[in-house]
């Protein structure tokens, strides 16, 4: 998420390519971690949470990393004439939601003792997701109203869609975490 933020803060397309390669490398590492998690689930007799929850949690985390990769890839591929200011704002939301997810994941080591902190972080992600929805719909409306170049309209609309979906996917992670907390009650 931090790399995506760096990419969107840069106005140089050469920087976009360089930073995207870093994002792609992180995405490949994420895929390896997800695969290892699935392999361990198949081998483990006892798991700290339901297998399905661990599987779903790993899958949703992988989805977020894939979306961040997709955003970077499309910016490099489409080369929009300018990056909409809302991209940076939504990237900051993605980073903040990722920080809250990180808090949740670390607190799962002792979920019972950290239930209040996990719940607070999950609620923060939900707030961020609602804010991202508002930014997305406002930006799409503005884009369709002001952009006269059909190619630029399509490029920017697709990038906006993936930015918004990424925040949705971060909320999906917290939904699984909330489910884990309910099962532990």
C-alpha atoms as a PDB file:
ATOM      1  CA  UNK A   1       0.000   0.000   0.000  1.00  0.00           C
ATOM      2  CA  UNK A   2       2.884   2.356   0.796  1.00  0.00           C
ATOM      3  CA  UNK A   3       4.395   1.682  -2.638  1.00  0.00           C
ATOM      4  CA  UNK A   4       1.085   2.525  -4.305  1.00  0.00           C
ATOM      5  CA  UNK A   5       1.039   5.790  -2.398  1.00  0.00           C
ATOM      6  CA  UNK A   6       4.592   6.528  -3.612  1.00  0.00           C
ATOM      7  CA  UNK A   7       3.595   5.754  -7.186  1.00  0.00           C
ATOM      8  CA  UNK A   8       0.629   8.111  -7.061  1.00  0.00           C
ATOM      9  CA  UNK A   9       2.614  10.916  -5.440  1.00  0.00           C
ATOM     10  CA  UNK A  10       5.071  10.913  -8.344  1.00  0.00           C
ATOM     11  CA  UNK A  11       4.365  12.898 -11.491  1.00  0.00           C
ATOM     12  CA  UNK A  12       7.116  11.174 -13.482  1.00  0.00           C
ATOM     13  CA  UNK A  13       6.073   8.164 -15.547  1.00  0.00           C
ATOM     14  CA  UNK A  14       9.620   6.764 -15.263  1.00  0.00           C
ATOM     15  CA  UNK A  15       9.095   6.627 -11.497  1.00  0.00           C
ATOM     16  CA  UNK A  16       5.761   4.909 -12.059  1.00  0.00           C
ATOM     17  CA  UNK A  17       7.480   2.074 -13.958  1.00  0.00           C
ATOM     18  CA  UNK A  18      10.191   1.682 -11.314  1.00  0.00           C
ATOM     19  CA  UNK A  19       7.758   1.703  -8.398  1.00  0.00           C
ATOM     20  CA  UNK A  20       5.348  -0.606 -10.216  1.00  0.00           C
ATOM     21  CA  UNK A  21       8.150  -3.183 -10.550  1.00  0.00           C
ATOM     22  CA  UNK A  22       8.557  -3.065  -6.765  1.00  0.00           C
ATOM     23  CA  UNK A  23       4.797  -3.506  -6.334  1.00  0.00           C
ATOM     24  CA  UNK A  24       4.868  -6.464  -8.731  1.00  0.00           C
ATOM     25  CA  UNK A  25       7.722  -8.056  -6.760  1.00  0.00           C
ATOM     26  CA  UNK A  26       5.778  -7.655  -3.508  1.00  0.00           C
ATOM     27  CA  UNK A  27       2.706  -9.163  -5.189  1.00  0.00           C
ATOM     28  CA  UNK A  28       4.737 -12.229  -6.221  1.00  0.00           C
ATOM     29  CA  UNK A  29       5.992 -12.624  -2.648  1.00  0.00           C
ATOM     30  CA  UNK A  30       2.390 -12.296  -1.452  1.00  0.00           C
ATOM     31  CA  UNK A  31       1.327 -15.080  -3.815  1.00  0.00           C
ATOM     32  CA  UNK A  32       4.061 -17.322  -2.394  1.00  0.00           C
ATOM     33  CA  UNK A  33       2.953 -16.585   1.171  1.00  0.00           C
ATOM     34  CA  UNK A  34      -0.676 -17.322   0.274  1.00  0.00           C
ATOM     35  CA  UNK A  35       0.332 -20.616  -1.357  1.00  0.00           C
ATOM     36  CA  UNK A  36       2.407 -21.589   1.707  1.00  0.00           C
ATOM     37  CA  UNK A  37      -0.524 -20.736   3.960  1.00  0.00           C
ATOM     38  CA  UNK A  38      -2.826 -22.985   1.941  1.00  0.00           C
ATOM     39  CA  UNK A  39      -0.243 -25.803   1.983  1.00  0.00           C
ATOM     40  CA  UNK A  40       0.165 -25.503   5.756  1.00  0.00           C
ATOM     41  CA  UNK A  41      -3.612 -25.616   6.197  1.00  0.00           C
ATOM     42  CA  UNK A  42      -3.670 -28.922   4.333  1.00  0.00           C
ATOM     43  CA  UNK A  43      -0.934 -30.370   6.567  1.00  0.00           C
ATOM     44  CA  UNK A  44      -1.963 -29.003   9.965  1.00  0.00           C
ATOM     45  CA  UNK A  45      -4.168 -31.021  12.244  1.00  0.00           C
ATOM     46  CA  UNK A  46      -4.803 -28.217  14.719  1.00  0.00           C
ATOM     47  CA  UNK A  47      -5.194 -24.581  13.674  1.00  0.00           C
ATOM     48  CA  UNK A  48      -5.717 -21.499  15.870  1.00  0.00           C
ATOM     49  CA  UNK A  49      -8.963 -20.666  14.014  1.00  0.00           C
ATOM     50  CA  UNK A  50     -11.303 -22.475  11.653  1.00  0.00           C
ATOM     51  CA  UNK A  51      -9.512 -23.609   8.506  1.00  0.00           C
ATOM     52  CA  UNK A  52     -12.127 -21.887   6.382  1.00  0.00           C
ATOM     53  CA  UNK A  53     -11.532 -18.582   8.173  1.00  0.00           C
ATOM     54  CA  UNK A  54      -7.768 -18.814   7.710  1.00  0.00           C
ATOM     55  CA  UNK A  55      -8.238 -19.737   4.057  1.00  0.00           C
ATOM     56  CA  UNK A  56     -10.663 -16.868   3.512  1.00  0.00           C
ATOM     57  CA  UNK A  57      -8.441 -14.400   5.383  1.00  0.00           C
ATOM     58  CA  UNK A  58      -5.391 -15.329   3.303  1.00  0.00           C
ATOM     59  CA  UNK A  59      -7.437 -15.094   0.109  1.00  0.00           C
ATOM     60  CA  UNK A  60      -8.771 -11.629   0.920  1.00  0.00           C
ATOM     61  CA  UNK A  61      -5.311 -10.345   1.839  1.00  0.00           C
ATOM     62  CA  UNK A  62      -4.063 -11.701  -1.492  1.00  0.00           C
ATOM     63  CA  UNK A  63      -6.954  -9.920  -3.250  1.00  0.00           C
ATOM     64  CA  UNK A  64      -5.860  -6.571  -1.784  1.00  0.00           C
ATOM     65  CA  UNK A  65      -2.269  -7.084  -2.899  1.00  0.00           C
ATOM     66  CA  UNK A  66      -3.494  -8.137  -6.356  1.00  0.00           C
ATOM     67  CA  UNK A  67      -5.626  -4.990  -6.598  1.00  0.00           C
ATOM     68  CA  UNK A  68      -2.712  -2.759  -5.626  1.00  0.00           C
ATOM     69  CA  UNK A  69      -0.685  -4.501  -8.322  1.00  0.00           C
ATOM     70  CA  UNK A  70      -3.552  -3.975 -10.785  1.00  0.00           C
ATOM     71  CA  UNK A  71      -3.736  -0.259 -10.023  1.00  0.00           C
ATOM     72  CA  UNK A  72      -0.010   0.176 -10.612  1.00  0.00           C
ATOM     73  CA  UNK A  73      -0.106  -1.942 -13.753  1.00  0.00           C
ATOM     74  CA  UNK A  74      -2.964   0.059 -15.245  1.00  0.00           C
ATOM     75  CA  UNK A  75      -1.368   3.411 -14.483  1.00  0.00           C
ATOM     76  CA  UNK A  76       1.797   2.267 -16.270  1.00  0.00           C
ATOM     77  CA  UNK A  77      -0.122   0.654 -19.124  1.00  0.00           C
ATOM     78  CA  UNK A  78      -2.745   3.354 -19.698  1.00  0.00           C
ATOM     79  CA  UNK A  79      -0.460   6.344 -19.068  1.00  0.00           C
ATOM     80  CA  UNK A  80      -3.301   8.769 -18.321  1.00  0.00           C
ATOM     81  CA  UNK A  81      -2.505  12.379 -19.266  1.00  0.00           C
ATOM     82  CA  UNK A  82      -2.765  13.321 -15.615  1.00  0.00           C
ATOM     83  CA  UNK A  83      -3.370  11.486 -12.372  1.00  0.00           C
ATOM     84  CA  UNK A  84      -6.597  12.629 -10.787  1.00  0.00           C
ATOM     85  CA  UNK A  85      -6.043  14.154  -7.311  1.00  0.00           C
ATOM     86  CA  UNK A  86      -8.598  11.704  -5.907  1.00  0.00           C
ATOM     87  CA  UNK A  87      -6.197   8.843  -6.749  1.00  0.00           C
ATOM     88  CA  UNK A  88      -3.801  10.091  -4.079  1.00  0.00           C
ATOM     89  CA  UNK A  89      -6.601  10.551  -1.568  1.00  0.00           C
ATOM     90  CA  UNK A  90      -7.901   7.038  -2.195  1.00  0.00           C
ATOM     91  CA  UNK A  91      -4.366   5.619  -2.014  1.00  0.00           C
ATOM     92  CA  UNK A  92      -4.001   7.230   1.410  1.00  0.00           C
ATOM     93  CA  UNK A  93      -7.252   5.523   2.425  1.00  0.00           C
ATOM     94  CA  UNK A  94      -5.855   2.197   1.193  1.00  0.00           C
ATOM     95  CA  UNK A  95      -2.706   2.761   3.271  1.00  0.00           C
ATOM     96  CA  UNK A  96      -4.684   3.685   6.395  1.00  0.00           C
ATOM     97  CA  UNK A  97      -7.006   0.701   5.996  1.00  0.00           C
ATOM     98  CA  UNK A  98      -3.941  -1.536   5.542  1.00  0.00           C
ATOM     99  CA  UNK A  99      -2.509  -0.187   8.801  1.00  0.00           C
ATOM    100  CA  UNK A 100      -5.755  -1.018  10.586  1.00  0.00           C
ATOM    101  CA  UNK A 101      -5.788  -4.513   9.059  1.00  0.00           C
ATOM    102  CA  UNK A 102      -2.196  -4.970  10.240  1.00  0.00           C
ATOM    103  CA  UNK A 103      -3.276  -4.068  13.777  1.00  0.00           C
ATOM    104  CA  UNK A 104      -6.054  -6.668  13.562  1.00  0.00           C
ATOM    105  CA  UNK A 105      -3.742  -9.396  12.276  1.00  0.00           C
ATOM    106  CA  UNK A 106      -1.157  -8.791  15.005  1.00  0.00           C
ATOM    107  CA  UNK A 107      -3.863  -8.722  17.678  1.00  0.00           C
ATOM    108  CA  UNK A 108      -5.206 -12.102  16.533  1.00  0.00           C
ATOM    109  CA  UNK A 109      -2.281 -13.727  18.378  1.00  0.00           C
ATOM    110  CA  UNK A 110      -4.354 -13.146  21.513  1.00  0.00           C
ATOM    111  CA  UNK A 111      -7.745 -12.279  20.080  1.00  0.00           C
ATOM    112  CA  UNK A 112      -9.624 -12.660  23.358  1.00  0.00           C
ATOM    113  CA  UNK A 113      -7.393 -10.157  25.155  1.00  0.00           C
ATOM    114  CA  UNK A 114      -7.320  -7.789  22.171  1.00  0.00           C
ATOM    115  CA  UNK A 115     -10.994  -7.930  21.197  1.00  0.00           C
ATOM    116  CA  UNK A 116     -11.605  -4.206  21.844  1.00  0.00           C
ATOM    117  CA  UNK A 117      -8.562  -3.155  19.816  1.00  0.00           C
ATOM    118  CA  UNK A 118      -9.491  -5.500  16.958  1.00  0.00           C
ATOM    119  CA  UNK A 119     -13.076  -4.230  16.941  1.00  0.00           C
ATOM    120  CA  UNK A 120     -11.889  -0.609  16.925  1.00  0.00           C
ATOM    121  CA  UNK A 121      -9.552  -1.267  13.980  1.00  0.00           C
ATOM    122  CA  UNK A 122     -12.271  -3.146  12.068  1.00  0.00           C
ATOM    123  CA  UNK A 123     -14.687  -0.263  12.606  1.00  0.00           C
ATOM    124  CA  UNK A 124     -12.068   2.189  11.357  1.00  0.00           C
ATOM    125  CA  UNK A 125     -11.717   0.161   8.139  1.00  0.00           C
ATOM    126  CA  UNK A 126     -15.495   0.273   7.679  1.00  0.00           C
ATOM    127  CA  UNK A 127     -15.417   4.073   8.085  1.00  0.00           C
ATOM    128  CA  UNK A 128     -12.603   4.314   5.543  1.00  0.00           C
ATOM    129  CA  UNK A 129     -14.546   2.127   3.112  1.00  0.00           C
ATOM    130  CA  UNK A 130     -17.621   4.366   3.375  1.00  0.00           C
ATOM    131  CA  UNK A 131     -15.455   7.434   2.793  1.00  0.00           C
ATOM    132  CA  UNK A 132     -13.827   5.756  -0.229  1.00  0.00           C
ATOM    133  CA  UNK A 133     -17.284   5.044  -1.677  1.00  0.00           C
ATOM    134  CA  UNK A 134     -18.171   8.726  -1.378  1.00  0.00           C
ATOM    135  CA  UNK A 135     -14.921   9.814  -3.021  1.00  0.00           C
ATOM    136  CA  UNK A 136     -15.361   7.241  -5.768  1.00  0.00           C
ATOM    137  CA  UNK A 137     -18.907   8.251  -6.706  1.00  0.00           C
ATOM    138  CA  UNK A 138     -18.075  11.951  -6.583  1.00  0.00           C
ATOM    139  CA  UNK A 139     -14.962  11.436  -8.739  1.00  0.00           C
ATOM    140  CA  UNK A 140     -16.810   9.300 -11.304  1.00  0.00           C
ATOM    141  CA  UNK A 141     -19.539  11.915 -11.575  1.00  0.00           C
ATOM    142  CA  UNK A 142     -16.974  14.657 -12.026  1.00  0.00           C
ATOM    143  CA  UNK A 143     -15.023  12.573 -14.538  1.00  0.00           C
ATOM    144  CA  UNK A 144     -18.049  11.920 -16.730  1.00  0.00           C
ATOM    145  CA  UNK A 145     -19.076  15.564 -16.498  1.00  0.00           C
ATOM    146  CA  UNK A 146     -15.703  17.133 -17.313  1.00  0.00           C
ATOM    147  CA  UNK A 147     -13.615  14.661 -19.338  1.00  0.00           C
ATOM    148  CA  UNK A 148     -14.250  15.044 -23.057  1.00  0.00           C
ATOM    149  CA  UNK A 149     -11.618  12.597 -24.318  1.00  0.00           C
ATOM    150  CA  UNK A 150     -13.278   9.128 -24.396  1.00  0.00           C
ATOM    151  CA  UNK A 151      -9.953   7.305 -24.005  1.00  0.00           C
ATOM    152  CA  UNK A 152      -9.002   9.333 -20.924  1.00  0.00           C
ATOM    153  CA  UNK A 153     -12.477   8.835 -19.513  1.00  0.00           C
ATOM    154  CA  UNK A 154     -12.174   5.049 -19.832  1.00  0.00           C
ATOM    155  CA  UNK A 155      -8.637   4.977 -18.402  1.00  0.00           C
ATOM    156  CA  UNK A 156      -9.491   7.078 -15.379  1.00  0.00           C
ATOM    157  CA  UNK A 157     -12.794   5.323 -14.744  1.00  0.00           C
ATOM    158  CA  UNK A 158     -11.094   1.904 -14.669  1.00  0.00           C
ATOM    159  CA  UNK A 159      -8.372   3.127 -12.312  1.00  0.00           C
ATOM    160  CA  UNK A 160     -11.017   4.628 -10.020  1.00  0.00           C
ATOM    161  CA  UNK A 161     -12.953   1.342 -10.015  1.00  0.00           C
ATOM    162  CA  UNK A 162      -9.920  -0.642  -8.900  1.00  0.00           C
ATOM    163  CA  UNK A 163      -8.964   1.904  -6.227  1.00  0.00           C
ATOM    164  CA  UNK A 164     -12.462   1.657  -4.768  1.00  0.00           C
ATOM    165  CA  UNK A 165     -12.519  -2.139  -5.043  1.00  0.00           C
ATOM    166  CA  UNK A 166      -9.226  -2.320  -3.152  1.00  0.00           C
ATOM    167  CA  UNK A 167     -10.753  -0.565  -0.138  1.00  0.00           C
ATOM    168  CA  UNK A 168     -13.779  -2.888  -0.388  1.00  0.00           C
ATOM    169  CA  UNK A 169     -11.400  -5.852  -0.270  1.00  0.00           C
ATOM    170  CA  UNK A 170      -9.721  -4.462   2.835  1.00  0.00           C
ATOM    171  CA  UNK A 171     -13.133  -4.342   4.479  1.00  0.00           C
ATOM    172  CA  UNK A 172     -13.657  -7.978   3.398  1.00  0.00           C
ATOM    173  CA  UNK A 173     -10.582  -8.860   5.481  1.00  0.00           C
ATOM    174  CA  UNK A 174     -12.105  -7.242   8.552  1.00  0.00           C
ATOM    175  CA  UNK A 175     -15.389  -9.060   7.946  1.00  0.00           C
ATOM    176  CA  UNK A 176     -13.519 -12.364   8.286  1.00  0.00           C
ATOM    177  CA  UNK A 177     -11.749 -11.107  11.396  1.00  0.00           C
ATOM    178  CA  UNK A 178     -15.084 -10.096  12.938  1.00  0.00           C
ATOM    179  CA  UNK A 179     -16.399 -13.573  12.142  1.00  0.00           C
ATOM    180  CA  UNK A 180     -13.417 -15.097  13.959  1.00  0.00           C
ATOM    181  CA  UNK A 181     -14.165 -12.932  17.007  1.00  0.00           C
ATOM    182  CA  UNK A 182     -17.815 -14.006  17.012  1.00  0.00           C
ATOM    183  CA  UNK A 183     -16.830 -17.686  16.892  1.00  0.00           C
ATOM    184  CA  UNK A 184     -14.464 -17.160  19.827  1.00  0.00           C
ATOM    185  CA  UNK A 185     -17.123 -15.523  22.024  1.00  0.00           C
END
